[in-house]
């Protein structure tokens, strides 16, 4: 898993997540969205695209469910975000047997190297919050 931010403002996040007790065999019914949201309700949404990591999660986690399609890549331009503190939220959904299940959760840091990049006159700093280890983004104009 990784978080990369280029000097042009392109954010690329590769990660994995899943909801318990669901099969992830039908890739047409699995959806990931990553949101960066600040306290003024400003946000940016990054749509996730599934990718095959080559890891057999079903065996690795001794699951009776098919959880091998749980890796996603979310990317987009964040260079126009306003100054402020942003919380990263992950929205995931999966439709199984005609029923759609959805979960919204804080995006937690489980060992990501978090970038700090200056783009124009702003610094974009990802960090781990002391609140539940959630990933945060600080956008600040240079003085």
Protein backbone atom coordinates (compact mmCIF):
# COMPACT_ATOMS: atom_id res chain seq x y z
CA UNK A 1 0.00 0.00 0.00
CA UNK A 2 1.23 3.52 -0.73
CA UNK A 3 0.39 7.21 -0.81
CA UNK A 4 2.22 9.35 -3.35
CA UNK A 5 1.81 13.04 -4.17
CA UNK A 6 3.61 14.61 -7.13
CA UNK A 7 4.81 18.20 -7.38
CA UNK A 8 1.99 18.75 -9.90
CA UNK A 9 -0.63 17.84 -7.28
CA UNK A 10 -1.52 14.35 -8.46
CA UNK A 11 -2.39 12.14 -5.50
CA UNK A 12 -2.18 8.36 -5.96
CA UNK A 13 -3.28 6.02 -3.18
CA UNK A 14 -2.98 2.25 -3.43
CA UNK A 15 -4.63 0.41 -0.56
CA UNK A 16 -6.89 -2.45 0.42
CA UNK A 17 -10.06 -2.60 2.51
CA UNK A 18 -13.08 -4.83 2.90
CA UNK A 19 -16.21 -5.38 4.95
CA UNK A 20 -16.42 -8.59 6.96
CA UNK A 21 -18.71 -11.47 5.97
CA UNK A 22 -18.99 -10.54 2.28
CA UNK A 23 -17.66 -12.19 -0.85
CA UNK A 24 -15.63 -9.99 -3.15
CA UNK A 25 -15.79 -12.23 -6.20
CA UNK A 26 -17.86 -10.03 -8.55
CA UNK A 27 -15.63 -7.08 -9.42
CA UNK A 28 -18.53 -5.30 -11.18
CA UNK A 29 -20.26 -4.82 -7.82
CA UNK A 30 -17.34 -3.51 -5.74
CA UNK A 31 -16.81 0.22 -5.39
CA UNK A 32 -14.31 2.38 -3.48
CA UNK A 33 -14.31 6.16 -3.08
CA UNK A 34 -11.84 8.21 -1.07
CA UNK A 35 -12.87 11.63 0.26
CA UNK A 36 -10.70 14.38 1.72
CA UNK A 37 -13.07 16.55 3.79
CA UNK A 38 -12.41 19.67 5.89
CA UNK A 39 -14.50 21.31 8.61
CA UNK A 40 -15.99 23.82 6.12
CA UNK A 41 -17.48 20.90 4.14
CA UNK A 42 -14.98 21.45 1.34
CA UNK A 43 -13.98 18.13 -0.12
CA UNK A 44 -12.53 16.27 -3.03
CA UNK A 45 -13.62 12.78 -4.10
CA UNK A 46 -11.26 10.26 -5.65
CA UNK A 47 -12.85 7.25 -7.34
CA UNK A 48 -11.12 3.95 -6.74
CA UNK A 49 -10.23 1.41 -9.41
CA UNK A 50 -9.75 -2.24 -8.49
CA UNK A 51 -6.41 -3.86 -9.19
CA UNK A 52 -4.94 -7.31 -8.64
CA UNK A 53 -2.17 -7.18 -6.04
CA UNK A 54 -1.32 -10.84 -6.55
CA UNK A 55 -1.91 -11.52 -2.84
CA UNK A 56 -4.26 -14.34 -1.89
CA UNK A 57 -6.07 -12.56 0.95
CA UNK A 58 -8.57 -15.40 1.40
CA UNK A 59 -5.75 -17.79 2.34
CA UNK A 60 -3.63 -15.19 4.13
CA UNK A 61 -6.50 -14.22 6.44
CA UNK A 62 -8.00 -17.73 6.66
CA UNK A 63 -11.35 -16.44 5.46
CA UNK A 64 -14.25 -18.56 4.27
CA UNK A 65 -15.21 -15.60 2.05
CA UNK A 66 -13.67 -14.64 -1.28
CA UNK A 67 -11.80 -11.45 -0.36
CA UNK A 68 -9.16 -11.41 -3.08
CA UNK A 69 -10.58 -8.35 -4.94
CA UNK A 70 -10.09 -5.82 -2.15
CA UNK A 71 -7.24 -3.69 -3.55
CA UNK A 72 -7.94 -0.30 -5.07
CA UNK A 73 -6.09 2.63 -6.59
CA UNK A 74 -7.59 6.09 -6.01
CA UNK A 75 -6.04 9.06 -7.73
CA UNK A 76 -6.71 12.63 -8.74
CA UNK A 77 -5.54 16.23 -8.66
CA UNK A 78 -5.67 17.84 -5.19
CA UNK A 79 -3.71 21.00 -6.07
CA UNK A 80 -6.80 23.22 -5.84
CA UNK A 81 -7.80 22.31 -2.28
CA UNK A 82 -8.32 25.29 0.01
CA UNK A 83 -6.10 25.79 3.04
CA UNK A 84 -7.14 23.72 6.04
CA UNK A 85 -7.15 20.34 7.73
CA UNK A 86 -8.70 17.46 5.82
CA UNK A 87 -9.74 14.05 7.15
CA UNK A 88 -9.50 11.09 4.77
CA UNK A 89 -12.65 8.96 4.59
CA UNK A 90 -13.12 5.74 2.68
CA UNK A 91 -16.54 4.80 1.30
CA UNK A 92 -16.80 1.21 0.15
CA UNK A 93 -19.76 -0.67 -1.21
CA UNK A 94 -20.36 -4.20 -2.40
CA UNK A 95 -23.49 -5.75 -3.88
CA UNK A 96 -23.96 -9.42 -3.03
CA UNK A 97 -27.06 -11.42 -4.06
CA UNK A 98 -28.93 -8.22 -4.96
CA UNK A 99 -28.28 -6.43 -1.66
CA UNK A 100 -25.88 -3.48 -1.52
CA UNK A 101 -23.77 -3.09 1.61
CA UNK A 102 -22.00 0.19 2.28
CA UNK A 103 -19.53 1.37 4.90
CA UNK A 104 -18.00 4.78 5.55
CA UNK A 105 -14.88 4.80 7.67
CA UNK A 106 -11.90 6.92 8.51
CA UNK A 107 -8.89 6.03 6.40
CA UNK A 108 -6.44 4.64 8.94
CA UNK A 109 -2.65 4.63 8.70
CA UNK A 110 -1.40 1.04 8.81
CA UNK A 111 2.19 1.76 7.85
CA UNK A 112 1.90 4.24 4.99
CA UNK A 113 4.84 6.55 4.32
CA UNK A 114 3.08 9.91 4.28
CA UNK A 115 4.31 12.58 1.86
CA UNK A 116 4.82 16.31 2.29
CA UNK A 117 4.97 18.24 -0.99
CA UNK A 118 5.07 21.94 -1.88
CA UNK A 119 2.96 22.82 -4.91
CA UNK A 120 3.23 26.45 -5.98
CA UNK A 121 2.83 28.51 -2.81
CA UNK A 122 1.13 25.76 -0.75
CA UNK A 123 2.44 22.87 1.32
CA UNK A 124 0.45 19.62 1.37
CA UNK A 125 1.38 17.52 4.39
CA UNK A 126 -0.16 14.12 5.10
CA UNK A 127 0.14 12.95 8.71
CA UNK A 128 -1.31 10.48 11.19
CA UNK A 129 -3.73 12.00 13.70
CA UNK A 130 -3.55 11.09 17.37
CA UNK A 131 -7.28 10.35 17.04
CA UNK A 132 -7.67 6.70 15.99
CA UNK A 133 -4.56 6.89 13.74
CA UNK A 134 -6.62 8.41 10.94
CA UNK A 135 -4.86 9.93 7.96
CA UNK A 136 -5.08 13.71 7.75
CA UNK A 137 -3.96 16.29 5.20
CA UNK A 138 -2.84 19.79 6.13
CA UNK A 139 -2.92 22.31 3.25
CA UNK A 140 -1.25 25.59 4.08
CA UNK A 141 -0.18 28.59 2.03
CA UNK A 142 3.47 29.47 2.59
CA UNK A 143 4.06 32.76 4.41
